[in-house]
Amino acid sequence: MQLPDFIRRMVSFADKAEANLTAETELKTAKARVTELEGQAAKDKTTITTHEATIQDLHGKVTAKDDEIAKLTTDLAAEKNRTNNTLAAQGVSAEQLPAAETGNSPGAGKESAWGIYERLAAKDPVAAGQFYFENADAVLKSRPRS
């Protein structure tokens, strides 16, 4: 073997050795990445399991609320029927009754004109006089009788 052939073979061997070292480094990097991804996958599985449990719990709560709604609907229908029967026994139809007022109506809790007048009179007599001038009928109607 001649020197140029020997040099060529040694350069080729050095290239192969360098490629093997590079491949070994890349393999170590890939193994580290695989380990990292496996850890992330395990963490994600735990998260998924937790979310699945939460979803099952919420499904149970929704089912319970649906059952409650169905029961309340049935109770409401029974009360409407009982009310209509009571009214029919008294000879009154439901259409003849005025609408019931609820505590949440816009006028509920509204201060009377007399109450507004008294409050203004205590704070600002001029404003109270102006209010009385503009709302005299309402103030007199809402004044308590002694």
N, C-alpha and C. Protein backbone atom coordinates (compact mmCIF):
# COMPACT_ATOMS: atom_id res chain seq x y z
N MET A 1 0.84 -1.15 0.00
CA MET A 1 0.00 0.00 0.00
C MET A 1 0.90 1.22 0.00
N GLN A 2 0.52 2.12 -0.83
CA GLN A 2 1.28 3.35 -0.99
C GLN A 2 0.78 4.40 0.00
N LEU A 3 1.59 5.38 0.24
CA LEU A 3 1.27 6.44 1.19
C LEU A 3 -0.02 7.17 0.82
N PRO A 4 -0.24 7.53 -0.45
CA PRO A 4 -1.49 8.22 -0.77
C PRO A 4 -2.71 7.34 -0.48
N ASP A 5 -2.61 6.03 -0.73
CA ASP A 5 -3.73 5.14 -0.42
C ASP A 5 -3.97 5.09 1.09
N PHE A 6 -2.86 5.02 1.83
CA PHE A 6 -2.96 4.98 3.29
C PHE A 6 -3.62 6.26 3.82
N ILE A 7 -3.23 7.39 3.28
CA ILE A 7 -3.79 8.68 3.73
C ILE A 7 -5.29 8.71 3.40
N ARG A 8 -5.64 8.27 2.21
CA ARG A 8 -7.03 8.25 1.80
C ARG A 8 -7.85 7.37 2.76
N ARG A 9 -7.31 6.19 3.13
CA ARG A 9 -8.02 5.28 4.03
C ARG A 9 -8.13 5.89 5.42
N MET A 10 -7.10 6.55 5.88
CA MET A 10 -7.13 7.17 7.21
C MET A 10 -8.12 8.33 7.25
N VAL A 11 -8.19 9.12 6.18
CA VAL A 11 -9.15 10.22 6.11
C VAL A 11 -10.56 9.65 6.11
N SER A 12 -10.75 8.58 5.37
CA SER A 12 -12.06 7.93 5.34
C SER A 12 -12.43 7.40 6.72
N PHE A 13 -11.46 6.78 7.40
CA PHE A 13 -11.69 6.28 8.75
C PHE A 13 -12.01 7.43 9.71
N ALA A 14 -11.32 8.51 9.60
CA ALA A 14 -11.55 9.68 10.45
C ALA A 14 -12.95 10.25 10.20
N ASP A 15 -13.37 10.28 8.93
CA ASP A 15 -14.71 10.76 8.61
C ASP A 15 -15.77 9.86 9.23
N LYS A 16 -15.54 8.55 9.17
CA LYS A 16 -16.50 7.61 9.76
C LYS A 16 -16.53 7.76 11.28
N ALA A 17 -15.38 7.93 11.90
CA ALA A 17 -15.32 8.09 13.35
C ALA A 17 -16.03 9.38 13.77
N GLU A 18 -15.83 10.44 13.01
CA GLU A 18 -16.49 11.72 13.31
C GLU A 18 -17.99 11.59 13.13
N ALA A 19 -18.43 10.87 12.08
CA ALA A 19 -19.86 10.65 11.85
C ALA A 19 -20.45 9.85 13.00
N ASN A 20 -19.71 8.85 13.48
CA ASN A 20 -20.20 8.05 14.60
C ASN A 20 -20.32 8.89 15.86
N LEU A 21 -19.35 9.78 16.13
CA LEU A 21 -19.42 10.65 17.29
C LEU A 21 -20.60 11.61 17.19
N THR A 22 -20.81 12.14 15.98
CA THR A 22 -21.94 13.05 15.76
C THR A 22 -23.26 12.30 15.97
N ALA A 23 -23.32 11.06 15.42
CA ALA A 23 -24.54 10.25 15.58
C ALA A 23 -24.77 9.92 17.05
N GLU A 24 -23.70 9.64 17.79
CA GLU A 24 -23.83 9.33 19.21
C GLU A 24 -24.34 10.54 19.99
N THR A 25 -23.86 11.72 19.69
CA THR A 25 -24.33 12.95 20.33
C THR A 25 -25.81 13.19 20.01
N GLU A 26 -26.18 13.01 18.74
CA GLU A 26 -27.57 13.19 18.34
C GLU A 26 -28.47 12.15 19.02
N LEU A 27 -27.96 10.92 19.18
CA LEU A 27 -28.72 9.88 19.86
C LEU A 27 -28.96 10.24 21.32
N LYS A 28 -27.93 10.76 22.00
CA LYS A 28 -28.09 11.18 23.39
C LYS A 28 -29.13 12.31 23.49
N THR A 29 -29.07 13.26 22.56
CA THR A 29 -30.03 14.37 22.54
C THR A 29 -31.44 13.84 22.31
N ALA A 30 -31.58 12.90 21.37
CA ALA A 30 -32.89 12.33 21.06
C ALA A 30 -33.43 11.56 22.26
N LYS A 31 -32.56 10.80 22.96
CA LYS A 31 -33.00 10.04 24.13
C LYS A 31 -33.46 11.00 25.23
N ALA A 32 -32.74 12.09 25.42
CA ALA A 32 -33.14 13.08 26.43
C ALA A 32 -34.49 13.68 26.07
N ARG A 33 -34.69 13.96 24.79
CA ARG A 33 -35.97 14.54 24.33
C ARG A 33 -37.10 13.52 24.53
N VAL A 34 -36.85 12.24 24.24
CA VAL A 34 -37.85 11.20 24.43
C VAL A 34 -38.23 11.11 25.90
N THR A 35 -37.24 11.15 26.78
CA THR A 35 -37.51 11.10 28.22
C THR A 35 -38.35 12.29 28.65
N GLU A 36 -38.02 13.46 28.13
CA GLU A 36 -38.77 14.67 28.44
C GLU A 36 -40.22 14.55 27.96
N LEU A 37 -40.40 14.04 26.73
CA LEU A 37 -41.74 13.89 26.18
C LEU A 37 -42.55 12.83 26.93
N GLU A 38 -41.89 11.76 27.37
CA GLU A 38 -42.58 10.74 28.15
C GLU A 38 -43.06 11.32 29.48
N GLY A 39 -42.22 12.14 30.11
CA GLY A 39 -42.62 12.81 31.35
C GLY A 39 -43.81 13.73 31.12
N GLN A 40 -43.78 14.48 30.02
CA GLN A 40 -44.89 15.37 29.69
C GLN A 40 -46.15 14.56 29.40
N ALA A 41 -46.00 13.43 28.71
CA ALA A 41 -47.15 12.58 28.41
C ALA A 41 -47.77 12.04 29.70
N ALA A 42 -46.95 11.64 30.65
CA ALA A 42 -47.46 11.15 31.93
C ALA A 42 -48.21 12.26 32.67
N LYS A 43 -47.65 13.47 32.64
CA LYS A 43 -48.31 14.61 33.28
C LYS A 43 -49.63 14.91 32.59
N ASP A 44 -49.65 14.84 31.25
CA ASP A 44 -50.88 15.09 30.50
C ASP A 44 -51.93 14.03 30.78
N LYS A 45 -51.51 12.76 30.95
CA LYS A 45 -52.46 11.71 31.28
C LYS A 45 -53.11 11.98 32.63
N THR A 46 -52.31 12.45 33.59
CA THR A 46 -52.85 12.79 34.91
C THR A 46 -53.86 13.92 34.79
N THR A 47 -53.52 14.93 33.99
CA THR A 47 -54.43 16.06 33.78
C THR A 47 -55.72 15.59 33.12
N ILE A 48 -55.59 14.73 32.13
CA ILE A 48 -56.77 14.22 31.42
C ILE A 48 -57.66 13.44 32.39
N THR A 49 -57.04 12.60 33.22
CA THR A 49 -57.81 11.83 34.20
C THR A 49 -58.55 12.76 35.16
N THR A 50 -57.88 13.81 35.59
CA THR A 50 -58.51 14.79 36.49
C THR A 50 -59.69 15.46 35.80
N HIS A 51 -59.48 15.86 34.55
CA HIS A 51 -60.56 16.53 33.81
C HIS A 51 -61.72 15.57 33.55
N GLU A 52 -61.42 14.32 33.26
CA GLU A 52 -62.49 13.35 33.05
C GLU A 52 -63.32 13.18 34.33
N ALA A 53 -62.65 13.15 35.47
CA ALA A 53 -63.37 13.04 36.74
C ALA A 53 -64.24 14.27 36.97
N THR A 54 -63.71 15.43 36.65
CA THR A 54 -64.49 16.67 36.79
C THR A 54 -65.70 16.66 35.87
N ILE A 55 -65.50 16.19 34.65
CA ILE A 55 -66.60 16.12 33.69
C ILE A 55 -67.68 15.16 34.19
N GLN A 56 -67.27 14.03 34.72
CA GLN A 56 -68.25 13.07 35.26
C GLN A 56 -69.02 13.69 36.42
N ASP A 57 -68.32 14.40 37.28
CA ASP A 57 -68.96 15.07 38.41
C ASP A 57 -69.98 16.10 37.91
N LEU A 58 -69.59 16.87 36.90
CA LEU A 58 -70.48 17.89 36.36
C LEU A 58 -71.68 17.25 35.66
N HIS A 59 -71.46 16.12 34.98
CA HIS A 59 -72.58 15.42 34.36
C HIS A 59 -73.58 14.99 35.44
N GLY A 60 -73.06 14.50 36.56
CA GLY A 60 -73.93 14.12 37.67
C GLY A 60 -74.72 15.30 38.20
N LYS A 61 -74.05 16.45 38.33
CA LYS A 61 -74.74 17.64 38.82
C LYS A 61 -75.81 18.11 37.84
N VAL A 62 -75.50 18.04 36.54
CA VAL A 62 -76.47 18.44 35.52
C VAL A 62 -77.68 17.51 35.56
N THR A 63 -77.42 16.23 35.70
CA THR A 63 -78.52 15.27 35.78
C THR A 63 -79.39 15.56 37.01
N ALA A 64 -78.75 15.85 38.13
CA ALA A 64 -79.50 16.18 39.35
C ALA A 64 -80.35 17.43 39.14
N LYS A 65 -79.78 18.45 38.49
CA LYS A 65 -80.54 19.69 38.23
C LYS A 65 -81.68 19.42 37.26
N ASP A 66 -81.44 18.57 36.24
CA ASP A 66 -82.52 18.22 35.31
C ASP A 66 -83.66 17.52 36.05
N ASP A 67 -83.30 16.63 36.97
CA ASP A 67 -84.32 15.96 37.78
C ASP A 67 -85.08 16.96 38.63
N GLU A 68 -84.35 17.90 39.21
CA GLU A 68 -84.99 18.93 40.05
C GLU A 68 -85.93 19.79 39.21
N ILE A 69 -85.49 20.15 38.00
CA ILE A 69 -86.34 20.95 37.10
C ILE A 69 -87.60 20.18 36.74
N ALA A 70 -87.45 18.89 36.45
CA ALA A 70 -88.61 18.07 36.11
C ALA A 70 -89.58 18.00 37.30
N LYS A 71 -89.04 17.84 38.51
CA LYS A 71 -89.88 17.78 39.71
C LYS A 71 -90.60 19.11 39.92
N LEU A 72 -89.86 20.22 39.78
CA LEU A 72 -90.48 21.53 39.96
C LEU A 72 -91.54 21.80 38.91
N THR A 73 -91.30 21.35 37.69
CA THR A 73 -92.29 21.52 36.63
C THR A 73 -93.56 20.74 36.96
N THR A 74 -93.38 19.52 37.45
CA THR A 74 -94.52 18.71 37.87
C THR A 74 -95.26 19.36 39.03
N ASP A 75 -94.50 19.85 40.01
CA ASP A 75 -95.12 20.53 41.17
C ASP A 75 -95.89 21.78 40.72
N LEU A 76 -95.30 22.52 39.79
CA LEU A 76 -95.96 23.74 39.29
C LEU A 76 -97.26 23.39 38.59
N ALA A 77 -97.23 22.36 37.76
CA ALA A 77 -98.46 21.94 37.07
C ALA A 77 -99.51 21.50 38.08
N ALA A 78 -99.11 20.80 39.13
CA ALA A 78 -100.06 20.36 40.15
C ALA A 78 -100.64 21.57 40.89
N GLU A 79 -99.81 22.56 41.21
CA GLU A 79 -100.30 23.76 41.90
C GLU A 79 -101.25 24.57 41.01
N LYS A 80 -100.91 24.66 39.73
CA LYS A 80 -101.81 25.37 38.80
C LYS A 80 -103.16 24.66 38.76
N ASN A 81 -103.11 23.34 38.70
CA ASN A 81 -104.35 22.56 38.65
C ASN A 81 -105.15 22.76 39.94
N ARG A 82 -104.46 22.71 41.09
CA ARG A 82 -105.13 22.91 42.38
C ARG A 82 -105.74 24.31 42.46
N THR A 83 -104.99 25.31 41.98
CA THR A 83 -105.50 26.69 42.00
C THR A 83 -106.72 26.83 41.11
N ASN A 84 -106.65 26.27 39.92
CA ASN A 84 -107.81 26.34 39.01
C ASN A 84 -109.01 25.61 39.59
N ASN A 85 -108.79 24.48 40.26
CA ASN A 85 -109.89 23.76 40.90
C ASN A 85 -110.50 24.58 42.02
N THR A 86 -109.65 25.23 42.83
CA THR A 86 -110.15 26.07 43.92
C THR A 86 -110.96 27.24 43.38
N LEU A 87 -110.45 27.87 42.34
CA LEU A 87 -111.17 29.00 41.73
C LEU A 87 -112.49 28.53 41.12
N ALA A 88 -112.46 27.36 40.48
CA ALA A 88 -113.68 26.84 39.87
C ALA A 88 -114.72 26.52 40.94
N ALA A 89 -114.27 26.02 42.09
CA ALA A 89 -115.20 25.72 43.18
C ALA A 89 -115.84 27.00 43.72
N GLN A 90 -115.14 28.12 43.59
CA GLN A 90 -115.67 29.40 44.06
C GLN A 90 -116.44 30.11 42.95
N GLY A 91 -116.45 29.53 41.75
CA GLY A 91 -117.19 30.12 40.64
C GLY A 91 -116.45 31.27 39.97
N VAL A 92 -115.12 31.33 40.09
CA VAL A 92 -114.32 32.40 39.51
C VAL A 92 -113.36 31.76 38.51
N SER A 93 -113.22 32.39 37.34
CA SER A 93 -112.23 31.87 36.39
C SER A 93 -110.91 32.60 36.60
N ALA A 94 -109.84 31.95 36.21
CA ALA A 94 -108.50 32.53 36.40
C ALA A 94 -108.33 33.82 35.60
N GLU A 95 -109.04 33.94 34.49
CA GLU A 95 -108.91 35.14 33.65
C GLU A 95 -109.50 36.38 34.32
N GLN A 96 -110.42 36.17 35.27
CA GLN A 96 -111.05 37.30 35.95
C GLN A 96 -110.20 37.88 37.06
N LEU A 97 -109.16 37.17 37.46
CA LEU A 97 -108.31 37.65 38.56
C LEU A 97 -107.25 38.60 38.04
N PRO A 98 -106.91 39.62 38.81
CA PRO A 98 -105.81 40.51 38.40
C PRO A 98 -104.47 39.78 38.56
N ALA A 99 -103.50 40.23 37.84
CA ALA A 99 -102.17 39.63 37.94
C ALA A 99 -101.61 39.85 39.33
N ALA A 100 -100.97 38.84 39.85
CA ALA A 100 -100.38 38.95 41.19
C ALA A 100 -99.14 39.81 41.13
N GLU A 101 -98.91 40.58 42.19
CA GLU A 101 -97.70 41.39 42.28
C GLU A 101 -96.63 40.58 42.99
N THR A 102 -95.43 40.69 42.51
CA THR A 102 -94.33 40.01 43.16
C THR A 102 -93.48 41.04 43.89
N GLY A 103 -92.64 40.59 44.78
CA GLY A 103 -91.76 41.49 45.51
C GLY A 103 -90.70 42.11 44.61
N ASN A 104 -90.55 41.58 43.39
CA ASN A 104 -89.52 42.08 42.49
C ASN A 104 -90.08 43.04 41.45
N SER A 105 -91.33 43.45 41.60
CA SER A 105 -91.91 44.35 40.62
C SER A 105 -91.22 45.71 40.70
N PRO A 106 -91.25 46.47 39.60
CA PRO A 106 -90.54 47.76 39.59
C PRO A 106 -91.03 48.72 40.66
N GLY A 107 -92.31 48.65 41.05
CA GLY A 107 -92.83 49.57 42.04
C GLY A 107 -92.59 49.13 43.46
N ALA A 108 -92.15 47.90 43.64
CA ALA A 108 -91.96 47.37 45.00
C ALA A 108 -90.81 48.11 45.68
N GLY A 109 -91.02 48.50 46.89
CA GLY A 109 -89.98 49.18 47.63
C GLY A 109 -89.80 50.64 47.24
N LYS A 110 -90.65 51.13 46.37
CA LYS A 110 -90.54 52.51 45.91
C LYS A 110 -91.07 53.43 47.01
N GLU A 111 -90.36 54.48 47.24
CA GLU A 111 -90.73 55.42 48.31
C GLU A 111 -91.96 56.22 47.87
N SER A 112 -92.89 56.44 48.81
CA SER A 112 -94.10 57.20 48.50
C SER A 112 -93.74 58.68 48.30
N ALA A 113 -94.66 59.38 47.65
CA ALA A 113 -94.43 60.82 47.43
C ALA A 113 -94.32 61.56 48.76
N TRP A 114 -95.13 61.15 49.73
CA TRP A 114 -95.06 61.77 51.06
C TRP A 114 -93.70 61.52 51.70
N GLY A 115 -93.18 60.28 51.58
CA GLY A 115 -91.87 59.94 52.13
C GLY A 115 -90.77 60.77 51.49
N ILE A 116 -90.87 60.95 50.17
CA ILE A 116 -89.87 61.78 49.46
C ILE A 116 -89.95 63.22 49.96
N TYR A 117 -91.19 63.73 50.11
CA TYR A 117 -91.38 65.10 50.58
C TYR A 117 -90.79 65.28 51.98
N GLU A 118 -91.06 64.33 52.89
CA GLU A 118 -90.52 64.43 54.25
C GLU A 118 -88.99 64.38 54.25
N ARG A 119 -88.43 63.49 53.44
CA ARG A 119 -86.97 63.37 53.38
C ARG A 119 -86.36 64.66 52.87
N LEU A 120 -86.96 65.23 51.81
CA LEU A 120 -86.45 66.49 51.27
C LEU A 120 -86.62 67.64 52.27
N ALA A 121 -87.74 67.64 52.99
CA ALA A 121 -88.00 68.72 53.95
C ALA A 121 -86.95 68.71 55.05
N ALA A 122 -86.48 67.52 55.42
CA ALA A 122 -85.47 67.44 56.48
C ALA A 122 -84.11 67.92 55.98
N LYS A 123 -83.81 67.68 54.70
CA LYS A 123 -82.49 68.04 54.16
C LYS A 123 -82.47 69.43 53.53
N ASP A 124 -83.46 69.68 52.67
CA ASP A 124 -83.45 70.91 51.87
C ASP A 124 -84.88 71.41 51.71
N PRO A 125 -85.32 72.33 52.56
CA PRO A 125 -86.71 72.80 52.51
C PRO A 125 -87.09 73.41 51.15
N VAL A 126 -86.14 74.04 50.46
CA VAL A 126 -86.45 74.63 49.16
C VAL A 126 -86.77 73.54 48.15
N ALA A 127 -85.96 72.47 48.15
CA ALA A 127 -86.21 71.35 47.24
C ALA A 127 -87.52 70.67 47.60
N ALA A 128 -87.84 70.59 48.91
CA ALA A 128 -89.09 69.98 49.34
C ALA A 128 -90.28 70.80 48.82
N GLY A 129 -90.18 72.13 48.91
CA GLY A 129 -91.24 73.00 48.40
C GLY A 129 -91.43 72.83 46.90
N GLN A 130 -90.31 72.73 46.17
CA GLN A 130 -90.38 72.53 44.72
C GLN A 130 -91.03 71.18 44.40
N PHE A 131 -90.65 70.15 45.14
CA PHE A 131 -91.22 68.82 44.93
C PHE A 131 -92.72 68.84 45.22
N TYR A 132 -93.10 69.50 46.32
CA TYR A 132 -94.51 69.58 46.69
C TYR A 132 -95.30 70.32 45.61
N PHE A 133 -94.73 71.41 45.09
CA PHE A 133 -95.39 72.20 44.06
C PHE A 133 -95.63 71.36 42.81
N GLU A 134 -94.64 70.52 42.44
CA GLU A 134 -94.76 69.71 41.22
C GLU A 134 -95.63 68.47 41.43
N ASN A 135 -95.71 67.96 42.65
CA ASN A 135 -96.39 66.68 42.90
C ASN A 135 -97.41 66.80 44.04
N ALA A 136 -98.12 67.88 44.14
CA ALA A 136 -99.02 68.12 45.27
C ALA A 136 -100.08 67.03 45.42
N ASP A 137 -100.71 66.61 44.32
CA ASP A 137 -101.76 65.59 44.41
C ASP A 137 -101.20 64.28 44.94
N ALA A 138 -100.05 63.85 44.41
CA ALA A 138 -99.45 62.58 44.84
C ALA A 138 -99.01 62.65 46.29
N VAL A 139 -98.48 63.80 46.71
CA VAL A 139 -98.02 63.95 48.09
C VAL A 139 -99.22 63.87 49.03
N LEU A 140 -100.33 64.56 48.69
CA LEU A 140 -101.50 64.55 49.56
C LEU A 140 -102.15 63.17 49.61
N LYS A 141 -102.17 62.45 48.48
CA LYS A 141 -102.78 61.12 48.44
C LYS A 141 -101.97 60.11 49.25
N SER A 142 -100.63 60.26 49.26
CA SER A 142 -99.81 59.28 49.95
C SER A 142 -99.53 59.65 51.41
N ARG A 143 -100.07 60.79 51.85
CA ARG A 143 -99.85 61.20 53.24
C ARG A 143 -100.61 60.28 54.17
N PRO A 144 -99.95 59.81 55.23
CA PRO A 144 -100.63 58.90 56.16
C PRO A 144 -101.72 59.66 56.93
N ARG A 145 -102.80 58.98 57.18
CA ARG A 145 -103.92 59.57 57.92
C ARG A 145 -103.70 59.34 59.42
N SER A 146 -103.86 60.38 60.21
CA SER A 146 -103.67 60.21 61.66
C SER A 146 -104.98 60.22 62.36
